[in-house]
Amino acid sequence: KFMSDPTPHSHASNPERIPAVEIKNDIKIKATTSNEAASSIIQSSLRSLPLTAVSSLPSSDSLARTVRRQRPTLSLTSSSQLPIELRKTDRGDDFIL
């Protein structure tokens, strides 16, 4: 028994959206656990997307924004310096500042 009658906004579910939602969740998980570029994360996740779900996906800009939002922001140290992660290259060399 329902608590209230259906509203005019009620509609049937859309099973074609399920893969798109799963892909978006996969992108969020990868964004928090890896240091890959946003484009790499999106591309690797989209490989498993069925063609029927492509129309349910947000734009590539929105997916890239999703990746950026999932990643933590690095703040300045108490002495107003960049954190060590931003002062070193991937090889461990100092940036020229």
PDB file of N, CA and C in Angstrom:
ATOM      1  N   LYS A   1       0.843  -1.182   0.000  1.00  0.00           N
ATOM      2  CA  LYS A   1       0.000   0.000   0.000  1.00  0.00           C
ATOM      3  C   LYS A   1       0.890   1.248   0.000  1.00  0.00           C
ATOM      4  N   PHE A   2       0.543   2.234  -0.808  1.00  0.00           N
ATOM      5  CA  PHE A   2       1.291   3.478  -0.892  1.00  0.00           C
ATOM      6  C   PHE A   2       0.852   4.442   0.195  1.00  0.00           C
ATOM      7  N   MET A   3       1.806   5.261   0.628  1.00  0.00           N
ATOM      8  CA  MET A   3       1.493   6.283   1.629  1.00  0.00           C
ATOM      9  C   MET A   3       0.642   7.402   1.020  1.00  0.00           C
ATOM     10  N   SER A   4       0.864   7.704  -0.235  1.00  0.00           N
ATOM     11  CA  SER A   4       0.087   8.743  -0.914  1.00  0.00           C
ATOM     12  C   SER A   4      -0.104   8.338  -2.371  1.00  0.00           C
ATOM     13  N   ASP A   5      -1.026   8.986  -3.022  1.00  0.00           N
ATOM     14  CA  ASP A   5      -1.282   8.701  -4.432  1.00  0.00           C
ATOM     15  C   ASP A   5      -0.134   9.227  -5.281  1.00  0.00           C
ATOM     16  N   PRO A   6       0.089   8.625  -6.447  1.00  0.00           N
ATOM     17  CA  PRO A   6       1.140   9.125  -7.337  1.00  0.00           C
ATOM     18  C   PRO A   6       0.863  10.567  -7.757  1.00  0.00           C
ATOM     19  N   THR A   7       1.907  11.321  -7.894  1.00  0.00           N
ATOM     20  CA  THR A   7       1.782  12.712  -8.330  1.00  0.00           C
ATOM     21  C   THR A   7       1.885  12.770  -9.848  1.00  0.00           C
ATOM     22  N   PRO A   8       1.558  13.888 -10.462  1.00  0.00           N
ATOM     23  CA  PRO A   8       1.689  13.997 -11.918  1.00  0.00           C
ATOM     24  C   PRO A   8       3.129  13.824 -12.400  1.00  0.00           C
ATOM     25  N   HIS A   9       4.091  14.005 -11.495  1.00  0.00           N
ATOM     26  CA  HIS A   9       5.490  13.858 -11.877  1.00  0.00           C
ATOM     27  C   HIS A   9       5.922  12.395 -11.948  1.00  0.00           C
ATOM     28  N   SER A  10       5.122  11.488 -11.457  1.00  0.00           N
ATOM     29  CA  SER A  10       5.483  10.069 -11.452  1.00  0.00           C
ATOM     30  C   SER A  10       5.693   9.572 -12.876  1.00  0.00           C
ATOM     31  N   HIS A  11       6.703   8.731 -13.038  1.00  0.00           N
ATOM     32  CA  HIS A  11       6.987   8.164 -14.343  1.00  0.00           C
ATOM     33  C   HIS A  11       7.684   6.831 -14.164  1.00  0.00           C
ATOM     34  N   ALA A  12       7.728   6.073 -15.218  1.00  0.00           N
ATOM     35  CA  ALA A  12       8.393   4.779 -15.175  1.00  0.00           C
ATOM     36  C   ALA A  12       9.900   4.970 -15.125  1.00  0.00           C
ATOM     37  N   SER A  13      10.576   3.986 -14.592  1.00  0.00           N
ATOM     38  CA  SER A  13      12.038   4.065 -14.533  1.00  0.00           C
ATOM     39  C   SER A  13      12.616   3.952 -15.935  1.00  0.00           C
ATOM     40  N   ASN A  14      13.847   4.408 -16.075  1.00  0.00           N
ATOM     41  CA  ASN A  14      14.524   4.374 -17.362  1.00  0.00           C
ATOM     42  C   ASN A  14      15.745   3.469 -17.225  1.00  0.00           C
ATOM     43  N   PRO A  15      15.629   2.193 -17.621  1.00  0.00           N
ATOM     44  CA  PRO A  15      16.747   1.259 -17.447  1.00  0.00           C
ATOM     45  C   PRO A  15      17.978   1.605 -18.280  1.00  0.00           C
ATOM     46  N   GLU A  16      17.819   2.447 -19.298  1.00  0.00           N
ATOM     47  CA  GLU A  16      18.967   2.838 -20.123  1.00  0.00           C
ATOM     48  C   GLU A  16      19.916   3.756 -19.356  1.00  0.00           C
ATOM     49  N   ARG A  17      19.441   4.380 -18.279  1.00  0.00           N
ATOM     50  CA  ARG A  17      20.283   5.291 -17.493  1.00  0.00           C
ATOM     51  C   ARG A  17      21.191   4.540 -16.524  1.00  0.00           C
ATOM     52  N   ILE A  18      20.886   3.301 -16.211  1.00  0.00           N
ATOM     53  CA  ILE A  18      21.656   2.561 -15.210  1.00  0.00           C
ATOM     54  C   ILE A  18      23.135   2.473 -15.574  1.00  0.00           C
ATOM     55  N   PRO A  19      23.508   2.069 -16.796  1.00  0.00           N
ATOM     56  CA  PRO A  19      24.946   2.034 -17.126  1.00  0.00           C
ATOM     57  C   PRO A  19      25.618   3.407 -17.019  1.00  0.00           C
ATOM     58  N   ALA A  20      24.906   4.472 -17.376  1.00  0.00           N
ATOM     59  CA  ALA A  20      25.481   5.820 -17.296  1.00  0.00           C
ATOM     60  C   ALA A  20      25.748   6.204 -15.842  1.00  0.00           C
ATOM     61  N   VAL A  21      24.838   5.853 -14.955  1.00  0.00           N
ATOM     62  CA  VAL A  21      25.031   6.139 -13.527  1.00  0.00           C
ATOM     63  C   VAL A  21      26.200   5.317 -12.980  1.00  0.00           C
ATOM     64  N   GLU A  22      26.293   4.063 -13.397  1.00  0.00           N
ATOM     65  CA  GLU A  22      27.404   3.210 -12.951  1.00  0.00           C
ATOM     66  C   GLU A  22      28.748   3.756 -13.439  1.00  0.00           C
ATOM     67  N   ILE A  23      28.799   4.229 -14.678  1.00  0.00           N
ATOM     68  CA  ILE A  23      30.031   4.805 -15.232  1.00  0.00           C
ATOM     69  C   ILE A  23      30.414   6.054 -14.456  1.00  0.00           C
ATOM     70  N   LYS A  24      29.439   6.903 -14.159  1.00  0.00           N
ATOM     71  CA  LYS A  24      29.722   8.132 -13.419  1.00  0.00           C
ATOM     72  C   LYS A  24      30.260   7.806 -12.024  1.00  0.00           C
ATOM     73  N   ASN A  25      29.696   6.792 -11.375  1.00  0.00           N
ATOM     74  CA  ASN A  25      30.203   6.369 -10.068  1.00  0.00           C
ATOM     75  C   ASN A  25      31.607   5.795 -10.176  1.00  0.00           C
ATOM     76  N   ASP A  26      31.870   5.051 -11.244  1.00  0.00           N
ATOM     77  CA  ASP A  26      33.207   4.501 -11.475  1.00  0.00           C
ATOM     78  C   ASP A  26      34.222   5.628 -11.662  1.00  0.00           C
ATOM     79  N   ILE A  27      33.843   6.655 -12.381  1.00  0.00           N
ATOM     80  CA  ILE A  27      34.721   7.809 -12.593  1.00  0.00           C
ATOM     81  C   ILE A  27      35.033   8.486 -11.261  1.00  0.00           C
ATOM     82  N   LYS A  28      34.030   8.623 -10.409  1.00  0.00           N
ATOM     83  CA  LYS A  28      34.244   9.245  -9.094  1.00  0.00           C
ATOM     84  C   LYS A  28      35.212   8.430  -8.249  1.00  0.00           C
ATOM     85  N   ILE A  29      35.062   7.115  -8.261  1.00  0.00           N
ATOM     86  CA  ILE A  29      35.951   6.256  -7.473  1.00  0.00           C
ATOM     87  C   ILE A  29      37.384   6.351  -7.988  1.00  0.00           C
ATOM     88  N   LYS A  30      37.550   6.278  -9.309  1.00  0.00           N
ATOM     89  CA  LYS A  30      38.896   6.364  -9.890  1.00  0.00           C
ATOM     90  C   LYS A  30      39.532   7.724  -9.616  1.00  0.00           C
ATOM     91  N   ALA A  31      38.729   8.778  -9.609  1.00  0.00           N
ATOM     92  CA  ALA A  31      39.261  10.123  -9.367  1.00  0.00           C
ATOM     93  C   ALA A  31      39.821  10.249  -7.954  1.00  0.00           C
ATOM     94  N   THR A  32      39.212   9.577  -6.997  1.00  0.00           N
ATOM     95  CA  THR A  32      39.685   9.680  -5.615  1.00  0.00           C
ATOM     96  C   THR A  32      40.844   8.744  -5.322  1.00  0.00           C
ATOM     97  N   THR A  33      41.007   7.689  -6.123  1.00  0.00           N
ATOM     98  CA  THR A  33      42.032   6.698  -5.810  1.00  0.00           C
ATOM     99  C   THR A  33      43.247   6.715  -6.722  1.00  0.00           C
ATOM    100  N   SER A  34      43.224   7.510  -7.797  1.00  0.00           N
ATOM    101  CA  SER A  34      44.373   7.524  -8.705  1.00  0.00           C
ATOM    102  C   SER A  34      44.797   8.951  -9.010  1.00  0.00           C
ATOM    103  N   ASN A  35      45.985   9.066  -9.581  1.00  0.00           N
ATOM    104  CA  ASN A  35      46.504  10.372  -9.984  1.00  0.00           C
ATOM    105  C   ASN A  35      46.479  10.533 -11.500  1.00  0.00           C
ATOM    106  N   GLU A  36      45.729   9.672 -12.174  1.00  0.00           N
ATOM    107  CA  GLU A  36      45.617   9.763 -13.630  1.00  0.00           C
ATOM    108  C   GLU A  36      44.976  11.079 -14.039  1.00  0.00           C
ATOM    109  N   ALA A  37      45.239  11.478 -15.251  1.00  0.00           N
ATOM    110  CA  ALA A  37      44.591  12.676 -15.797  1.00  0.00           C
ATOM    111  C   ALA A  37      43.098  12.420 -15.939  1.00  0.00           C
ATOM    112  N   ALA A  38      42.319  13.477 -15.846  1.00  0.00           N
ATOM    113  CA  ALA A  38      40.863  13.346 -15.942  1.00  0.00           C
ATOM    114  C   ALA A  38      40.463  12.686 -17.256  1.00  0.00           C
ATOM    115  N   SER A  39      41.107  13.073 -18.342  1.00  0.00           N
ATOM    116  CA  SER A  39      40.759  12.500 -19.644  1.00  0.00           C
ATOM    117  C   SER A  39      41.034  10.995 -19.691  1.00  0.00           C
ATOM    118  N   SER A  40      42.095  10.537 -19.036  1.00  0.00           N
ATOM    119  CA  SER A  40      42.408   9.107 -19.003  1.00  0.00           C
ATOM    120  C   SER A  40      41.373   8.336 -18.198  1.00  0.00           C
ATOM    121  N   ILE A  41      40.963   8.904 -17.076  1.00  0.00           N
ATOM    122  CA  ILE A  41      39.955   8.256 -16.242  1.00  0.00           C
ATOM    123  C   ILE A  41      38.643   8.131 -17.012  1.00  0.00           C
ATOM    124  N   ILE A  42      38.244   9.208 -17.657  1.00  0.00           N
ATOM    125  CA  ILE A  42      36.985   9.207 -18.398  1.00  0.00           C
ATOM    126  C   ILE A  42      37.047   8.218 -19.553  1.00  0.00           C
ATOM    127  N   GLN A  43      38.139   8.246 -20.292  1.00  0.00           N
ATOM    128  CA  GLN A  43      38.261   7.365 -21.449  1.00  0.00           C
ATOM    129  C   GLN A  43      38.260   5.894 -21.040  1.00  0.00           C
ATOM    130  N   SER A  44      38.976   5.546 -19.985  1.00  0.00           N
ATOM    131  CA  SER A  44      39.016   4.143 -19.561  1.00  0.00           C
ATOM    132  C   SER A  44      37.661   3.682 -19.033  1.00  0.00           C
ATOM    133  N   SER A  45      36.917   4.574 -18.416  1.00  0.00           N
ATOM    134  CA  SER A  45      35.591   4.204 -17.906  1.00  0.00           C
ATOM    135  C   SER A  45      34.578   4.056 -19.040  1.00  0.00           C
ATOM    136  N   LEU A  46      34.693   4.883 -20.050  1.00  0.00           N
ATOM    137  CA  LEU A  46      33.724   4.849 -21.143  1.00  0.00           C
ATOM    138  C   LEU A  46      33.881   3.631 -22.048  1.00  0.00           C
ATOM    139  N   ARG A  47      35.000   2.949 -21.948  1.00  0.00           N
ATOM    140  CA  ARG A  47      35.210   1.768 -22.797  1.00  0.00           C
ATOM    141  C   ARG A  47      34.155   0.695 -22.569  1.00  0.00           C
ATOM    142  N   SER A  48      33.637   0.606 -21.342  1.00  0.00           N
ATOM    143  CA  SER A  48      32.665  -0.443 -21.038  1.00  0.00           C
ATOM    144  C   SER A  48      31.222   0.024 -21.154  1.00  0.00           C
ATOM    145  N   LEU A  49      31.004   1.231 -21.629  1.00  0.00           N
ATOM    146  CA  LEU A  49      29.652   1.788 -21.730  1.00  0.00           C
ATOM    147  C   LEU A  49      28.943   1.259 -22.972  1.00  0.00           C
ATOM    148  N   PRO A  50      27.748   0.685 -22.814  1.00  0.00           N
ATOM    149  CA  PRO A  50      27.005   0.252 -24.004  1.00  0.00           C
ATOM    150  C   PRO A  50      26.533   1.460 -24.821  1.00  0.00           C
ATOM    151  N   LEU A  51      26.436   1.284 -26.115  1.00  0.00           N
ATOM    152  CA  LEU A  51      26.042   2.386 -26.997  1.00  0.00           C
ATOM    153  C   LEU A  51      24.642   2.900 -26.688  1.00  0.00           C
ATOM    154  N   THR A  52      23.791   2.059 -26.134  1.00  0.00           N
ATOM    155  CA  THR A  52      22.425   2.497 -25.823  1.00  0.00           C
ATOM    156  C   THR A  52      22.400   3.508 -24.682  1.00  0.00           C
ATOM    157  N   ALA A  53      23.461   3.580 -23.888  1.00  0.00           N
ATOM    158  CA  ALA A  53      23.491   4.482 -22.732  1.00  0.00           C
ATOM    159  C   ALA A  53      24.225   5.784 -23.006  1.00  0.00           C
ATOM    160  N   VAL A  54      24.777   5.935 -24.184  1.00  0.00           N
ATOM    161  CA  VAL A  54      25.564   7.132 -24.494  1.00  0.00           C
ATOM    162  C   VAL A  54      24.730   8.403 -24.366  1.00  0.00           C
ATOM    163  N   SER A  55      23.486   8.339 -24.768  1.00  0.00           N
ATOM    164  CA  SER A  55      22.650   9.539 -24.712  1.00  0.00           C
ATOM    165  C   SER A  55      22.324   9.967 -23.286  1.00  0.00           C
ATOM    166  N   SER A  56      22.503   9.067 -22.319  1.00  0.00           N
ATOM    167  CA  SER A  56      22.217   9.388 -20.913  1.00  0.00           C
ATOM    168  C   SER A  56      23.403  10.012 -20.192  1.00  0.00           C
ATOM    169  N   LEU A  57      24.554  10.033 -20.841  1.00  0.00           N
ATOM    170  CA  LEU A  57      25.752  10.574 -20.188  1.00  0.00           C
ATOM    171  C   LEU A  57      25.771  12.092 -20.215  1.00  0.00           C
ATOM    172  N   PRO A  58      26.354  12.700 -19.184  1.00  0.00           N
ATOM    173  CA  PRO A  58      26.581  14.146 -19.248  1.00  0.00           C
ATOM    174  C   PRO A  58      27.702  14.452 -20.246  1.00  0.00           C
ATOM    175  N   SER A  59      27.918  15.708 -20.530  1.00  0.00           N
ATOM    176  CA  SER A  59      28.963  16.097 -21.481  1.00  0.00           C
ATOM    177  C   SER A  59      30.346  15.758 -20.927  1.00  0.00           C
ATOM    178  N   SER A  60      31.338  15.731 -21.796  1.00  0.00           N
ATOM    179  CA  SER A  60      32.700  15.420 -21.359  1.00  0.00           C
ATOM    180  C   SER A  60      33.223  16.490 -20.407  1.00  0.00           C
ATOM    181  N   ASP A  61      32.812  17.735 -20.596  1.00  0.00           N
ATOM    182  CA  ASP A  61      33.202  18.796 -19.659  1.00  0.00           C
ATOM    183  C   ASP A  61      32.629  18.540 -18.269  1.00  0.00           C
ATOM    184  N   SER A  62      31.399  18.082 -18.212  1.00  0.00           N
ATOM    185  CA  SER A  62      30.780  17.772 -16.919  1.00  0.00           C
ATOM    186  C   SER A  62      31.469  16.593 -16.242  1.00  0.00           C
ATOM    187  N   LEU A  63      31.859  15.594 -17.025  1.00  0.00           N
ATOM    188  CA  LEU A  63      32.570  14.451 -16.450  1.00  0.00           C
ATOM    189  C   LEU A  63      33.939  14.872 -15.925  1.00  0.00           C
ATOM    190  N   ALA A  64      34.627  15.746 -16.653  1.00  0.00           N
ATOM    191  CA  ALA A  64      35.924  16.250 -16.184  1.00  0.00           C
ATOM    192  C   ALA A  64      35.748  17.061 -14.901  1.00  0.00           C
ATOM    193  N   ARG A  65      34.686  17.835 -14.823  1.00  0.00           N
ATOM    194  CA  ARG A  65      34.394  18.603 -13.610  1.00  0.00           C
ATOM    195  C   ARG A  65      34.116  17.666 -12.438  1.00  0.00           C
ATOM    196  N   THR A  66      33.460  16.546 -12.715  1.00  0.00           N
ATOM    197  CA  THR A  66      33.200  15.546 -11.677  1.00  0.00           C
ATOM    198  C   THR A  66      34.512  15.021 -11.117  1.00  0.00           C
ATOM    199  N   VAL A  67      35.477  14.767 -11.996  1.00  0.00           N
ATOM    200  CA  VAL A  67      36.792  14.287 -11.543  1.00  0.00           C
ATOM    201  C   VAL A  67      37.442  15.339 -10.651  1.00  0.00           C
ATOM    202  N   ARG A  68      37.443  16.583 -11.076  1.00  0.00           N
ATOM    203  CA  ARG A  68      38.081  17.653 -10.281  1.00  0.00           C
ATOM    204  C   ARG A  68      37.413  17.808  -8.916  1.00  0.00           C
ATOM    205  N   ARG A  69      36.109  17.666  -8.874  1.00  0.00           N
ATOM    206  CA  ARG A  69      35.397  17.823  -7.600  1.00  0.00           C
ATOM    207  C   ARG A  69      35.690  16.698  -6.622  1.00  0.00           C
ATOM    208  N   GLN A  70      36.036  15.532  -7.124  1.00  0.00           N
ATOM    209  CA  GLN A  70      36.309  14.395  -6.253  1.00  0.00           C
ATOM    210  C   GLN A  70      37.705  14.461  -5.644  1.00  0.00           C
ATOM    211  N   ARG A  71      38.580  15.188  -6.265  1.00  0.00           N
ATOM    212  CA  ARG A  71      39.969  15.254  -5.784  1.00  0.00           C
ATOM    213  C   ARG A  71      40.123  16.320  -4.709  1.00  0.00           C
ATOM    214  N   PRO A  72      40.916  16.013  -3.691  1.00  0.00           N
ATOM    215  CA  PRO A  72      41.097  17.006  -2.615  1.00  0.00           C
ATOM    216  C   PRO A  72      41.911  18.197  -3.102  1.00  0.00           C
ATOM    217  N   THR A  73      41.611  19.362  -2.562  1.00  0.00           N
ATOM    218  CA  THR A  73      42.390  20.549  -2.896  1.00  0.00           C
ATOM    219  C   THR A  73      43.579  20.641  -1.950  1.00  0.00           C
ATOM    220  N   LEU A  74      44.702  21.024  -2.479  1.00  0.00           N
ATOM    221  CA  LEU A  74      45.901  21.177  -1.667  1.00  0.00           C
ATOM    222  C   LEU A  74      46.007  22.639  -1.259  1.00  0.00           C
ATOM    223  N   SER A  75      46.199  22.874   0.000  1.00  0.00           N
ATOM    224  CA  SER A  75      46.261  24.252   0.481  1.00  0.00           C
ATOM    225  C   SER A  75      47.701  24.634   0.825  1.00  0.00           C
ATOM    226  N   LEU A  76      47.899  25.908   1.053  1.00  0.00           N
ATOM    227  CA  LEU A  76      49.219  26.406   1.440  1.00  0.00           C
ATOM    228  C   LEU A  76      49.563  25.946   2.853  1.00  0.00           C
ATOM    229  N   THR A  77      50.848  25.851   3.125  1.00  0.00           N
ATOM    230  CA  THR A  77      51.280  25.504   4.474  1.00  0.00           C
ATOM    231  C   THR A  77      51.101  26.711   5.380  1.00  0.00           C
ATOM    232  N   SER A  78      51.338  26.538   6.648  1.00  0.00           N
ATOM    233  CA  SER A  78      51.151  27.644   7.596  1.00  0.00           C
ATOM    234  C   SER A  78      52.085  28.818   7.299  1.00  0.00           C
ATOM    235  N   SER A  79      53.196  28.569   6.629  1.00  0.00           N
ATOM    236  CA  SER A  79      54.115  29.655   6.283  1.00  0.00           C
ATOM    237  C   SER A  79      53.849  30.181   4.862  1.00  0.00           C
ATOM    238  N   SER A  80      52.656  29.944   4.343  1.00  0.00           N
ATOM    239  CA  SER A  80      52.227  30.418   3.021  1.00  0.00           C
ATOM    240  C   SER A  80      53.099  29.900   1.884  1.00  0.00           C
ATOM    241  N   GLN A  81      53.568  28.679   2.018  1.00  0.00           N
ATOM    242  CA  GLN A  81      54.336  28.047   0.957  1.00  0.00           C
ATOM    243  C   GLN A  81      53.510  26.926   0.342  1.00  0.00           C
ATOM    244  N   LEU A  82      53.859  26.572  -0.887  1.00  0.00           N
ATOM    245  CA  LEU A  82      53.191  25.458  -1.541  1.00  0.00           C
ATOM    246  C   LEU A  82      53.522  24.155  -0.815  1.00  0.00           C
ATOM    247  N   PRO A  83      52.609  23.200  -0.790  1.00  0.00           N
ATOM    248  CA  PRO A  83      52.927  21.898  -0.207  1.00  0.00           C
ATOM    249  C   PRO A  83      54.042  21.222  -0.994  1.00  0.00           C
ATOM    250  N   ILE A  84      54.736  20.305  -0.374  1.00  0.00           N
ATOM    251  CA  ILE A  84      55.885  19.639  -0.996  1.00  0.00           C
ATOM    252  C   ILE A  84      55.478  18.925  -2.284  1.00  0.00           C
ATOM    253  N   GLU A  85      54.232  18.424  -2.353  1.00  0.00           N
ATOM    254  CA  GLU A  85      53.779  17.723  -3.555  1.00  0.00           C
ATOM    255  C   GLU A  85      53.784  18.638  -4.778  1.00  0.00           C
ATOM    256  N   LEU A  86      53.599  19.932  -4.554  1.00  0.00           N
ATOM    257  CA  LEU A  86      53.561  20.877  -5.665  1.00  0.00           C
ATOM    258  C   LEU A  86      54.907  21.532  -5.940  1.00  0.00           C
ATOM    259  N   ARG A  87      55.878  21.292  -5.086  1.00  0.00           N
ATOM    260  CA  ARG A  87      57.209  21.876  -5.299  1.00  0.00           C
ATOM    261  C   ARG A  87      58.162  20.914  -5.978  1.00  0.00           C
ATOM    262  N   LYS A  88      57.741  19.665  -6.165  1.00  0.00           N
ATOM    263  CA  LYS A  88      58.590  18.649  -6.786  1.00  0.00           C
ATOM    264  C   LYS A  88      57.958  18.170  -8.093  1.00  0.00           C
ATOM    265  N   THR A  89      58.811  17.799  -9.051  1.00  0.00           N
ATOM    266  CA  THR A  89      58.318  17.201 -10.286  1.00  0.00           C
ATOM    267  C   THR A  89      58.010  15.732 -10.020  1.00  0.00           C
ATOM    268  N   ASP A  90      57.455  15.055 -11.017  1.00  0.00           N
ATOM    269  CA  ASP A  90      57.165  13.625 -10.871  1.00  0.00           C
ATOM    270  C   ASP A  90      58.431  12.819 -10.634  1.00  0.00           C
ATOM    271  N   ARG A  91      59.563  13.324 -11.074  1.00  0.00           N
ATOM    272  CA  ARG A  91      60.850  12.635 -10.883  1.00  0.00           C
ATOM    273  C   ARG A  91      61.503  12.963  -9.549  1.00  0.00           C
ATOM    274  N   GLY A  92      60.905  13.873  -8.787  1.00  0.00           N
ATOM    275  CA  GLY A  92      61.458  14.241  -7.490  1.00  0.00           C
ATOM    276  C   GLY A  92      62.376  15.452  -7.535  1.00  0.00           C
ATOM    277  N   ASP A  93      62.545  16.061  -8.711  1.00  0.00           N
ATOM    278  CA  ASP A  93      63.382  17.258  -8.838  1.00  0.00           C
ATOM    279  C   ASP A  93      62.594  18.490  -8.388  1.00  0.00           C
ATOM    280  N   ASP A  94      63.329  19.503  -7.928  1.00  0.00           N
ATOM    281  CA  ASP A  94      62.687  20.750  -7.533  1.00  0.00           C
ATOM    282  C   ASP A  94      62.278  21.541  -8.774  1.00  0.00           C
ATOM    283  N   PHE A  95      61.089  22.174  -8.700  1.00  0.00           N
ATOM    284  CA  PHE A  95      60.699  23.113  -9.740  1.00  0.00           C
ATOM    285  C   PHE A  95      61.554  24.364  -9.595  1.00  0.00           C
ATOM    286  N   ILE A  96      61.786  25.048 -10.692  1.00  0.00           N
ATOM    287  CA  ILE A  96      62.535  26.303 -10.640  1.00  0.00           C
ATOM    288  C   ILE A  96      61.551  27.401 -10.279  1.00  0.00           C
ATOM    289  N   LEU A  97      61.715  27.976  -9.102  1.00  0.00           N
ATOM    290  CA  LEU A  97      60.821  29.048  -8.642  1.00  0.00           C
ATOM    291  C   LEU A  97      61.584  30.326  -8.448  1.00  0.00           C
TER     292      LEU A  97
END
